[in-house]
Protein backbone atom coordinates (compact mmCIF):
# COMPACT_ATOMS: atom_id res chain seq x y z
CA MET A 1 193.32 -133.79 79.28
CA ALA A 2 195.08 -135.94 76.92
CA ASP A 3 195.12 -139.59 76.31
CA THR A 4 198.19 -142.76 75.68
CA VAL A 5 197.95 -145.09 72.74
CA LEU A 6 200.41 -147.75 71.98
CA VAL A 7 201.63 -147.70 69.42
CA THR A 8 204.01 -150.94 68.31
CA ASP A 9 206.93 -150.10 66.54
CA THR A 10 208.36 -153.68 64.12
CA LEU A 11 212.60 -152.89 62.70
CA PHE A 12 213.44 -156.25 61.43
CA THR A 13 217.47 -156.30 60.56
CA ALA A 14 219.26 -158.43 58.41
CA ALA A 15 221.59 -161.13 58.36
CA ILE A 16 224.83 -160.38 58.04
CA THR A 17 227.76 -162.68 56.39
CA ALA A 18 231.32 -162.40 55.53
CA ASP A 19 234.17 -164.54 54.88
CA THR A 20 237.59 -164.71 54.44
CA ALA A 21 240.78 -166.72 54.32
CA ILE A 22 244.15 -166.21 55.72
CA PRO A 23 247.13 -168.40 55.37
CA LEU A 24 248.53 -169.89 58.09
CA THR A 25 250.71 -172.99 58.44
CA ARG A 26 250.10 -174.18 62.31
CA PHE A 27 246.45 -174.39 61.84
CA THR A 28 245.03 -177.91 62.79
CA ASP A 29 240.97 -177.82 63.55
CA THR A 30 237.94 -177.03 62.36
CA VAL A 31 237.41 -174.12 64.98
CA VAL A 32 233.27 -172.86 65.73
CA ILE A 33 232.27 -169.76 67.92
CA SER A 34 228.78 -169.72 68.14
CA ARG A 35 227.49 -166.83 70.69
CA ASP A 36 223.51 -165.98 70.48
CA LYS A 37 223.06 -164.95 66.61
CA LEU A 38 225.91 -164.72 65.88
CA GLU A 39 228.37 -167.60 65.00
CA ILE A 40 232.27 -167.77 63.45
CA LYS A 41 233.66 -171.31 62.02
CA LEU A 42 237.19 -171.78 61.84
CA VAL A 43 238.79 -173.94 59.25
CA LYS A 44 241.78 -175.86 57.72
CA ILE A 45 241.73 -176.25 54.25
CA ARG A 46 246.03 -177.23 53.31
CA ASP A 47 247.63 -174.02 54.04
CA THR A 48 244.66 -171.98 54.15
CA ILE A 49 242.46 -171.30 57.44
CA HIS A 50 238.84 -170.02 55.20
CA ILE A 51 236.96 -167.27 58.49
CA LYS A 52 232.96 -167.24 57.57
CA GLY A 53 230.97 -165.45 60.11
CA THR A 54 227.45 -165.22 60.59
CA CYS A 55 224.80 -162.70 62.32
CA LYS A 56 221.31 -164.28 61.92
CA ALA A 57 218.35 -162.03 61.27
CA ASP A 58 216.87 -160.41 63.87
CA THR A 59 213.49 -158.42 64.55
CA ILE A 60 212.94 -155.56 67.03
CA VAL A 61 210.26 -154.60 68.26
CA LYS A 62 209.47 -151.67 70.87
CA GLU A 63 206.49 -150.61 71.97
CA VAL A 64 205.96 -146.49 72.33
CA ARG A 65 203.19 -144.52 74.52
CA VAL A 66 201.88 -141.09 72.23
CA PRO A 67 200.26 -139.18 73.68
CA VAL A 68 197.41 -138.23 71.87
CA GLU A 69 193.85 -135.52 72.47
CA LYS A 70 190.47 -137.96 73.51
CA ILE A 71 188.13 -137.49 70.94
CA LYS A 72 185.18 -136.03 71.38
CA LEU A 73 182.11 -137.32 69.68
CA VAL A 74 179.98 -134.69 68.46
CA LYS A 75 176.34 -134.99 66.59
CA ALA A 76 175.94 -133.91 63.34
CA GLY A 77 173.49 -130.83 62.51
CA GLU A 78 170.14 -132.21 60.67
CA GLY A 79 170.28 -129.47 58.36
CA TRP A 80 167.30 -127.46 56.49
CA LEU A 81 165.64 -130.66 56.48
CA GLY A 82 165.26 -131.23 60.05
CA LYS A 83 163.25 -127.47 60.81
CA VAL A 84 161.01 -128.59 58.08
CA PRO A 85 157.88 -129.01 60.10
CA TRP A 86 158.60 -125.79 62.21
CA ILE A 87 158.91 -124.30 58.84
CA ILE A 88 155.24 -126.04 58.15
CA LEU A 89 153.65 -125.79 61.50
CA GLY A 90 155.08 -121.70 61.41
CA VAL A 91 152.97 -120.72 57.78
CA VAL A 92 150.04 -123.15 58.82
CA PHE A 93 149.94 -121.20 62.25
CA ILE A 94 150.53 -117.10 60.24
CA ALA A 95 147.73 -117.96 57.16
CA THR A 96 145.83 -119.03 60.15
CA PHE A 97 146.40 -115.46 61.88
CA TRP A 98 145.69 -113.98 58.37
CA ARG A 99 142.51 -115.39 57.91
CA ILE A 100 141.35 -114.04 61.77
CA VAL A 101 142.67 -110.62 61.33
CA THR A 102 141.43 -110.08 57.78
CA LYS A 103 137.94 -111.38 58.27
CA THR A 104 137.21 -108.60 60.98
């Protein structure tokens, strides 16, 4: 049976800036257009309109559920050290049995 793990993936977007100049003779004011993270500014300097656009930096966070197998905890084996008492008991039993058999 599969379980799910929640993974949060984050994507950072850098700010983008661009500007340009367009000659225009009948522009008399400064205009600022702003929406969400985008801002465009038009400024008239003598016979030129200076256009500057900026898109502010953003962070996108996406949570994804990833299916994984359940982890089964298994005890590590004790190795041969766990069997030493049984080995000693076996040797004592065989030695005792051998003495009894050889006395008769």
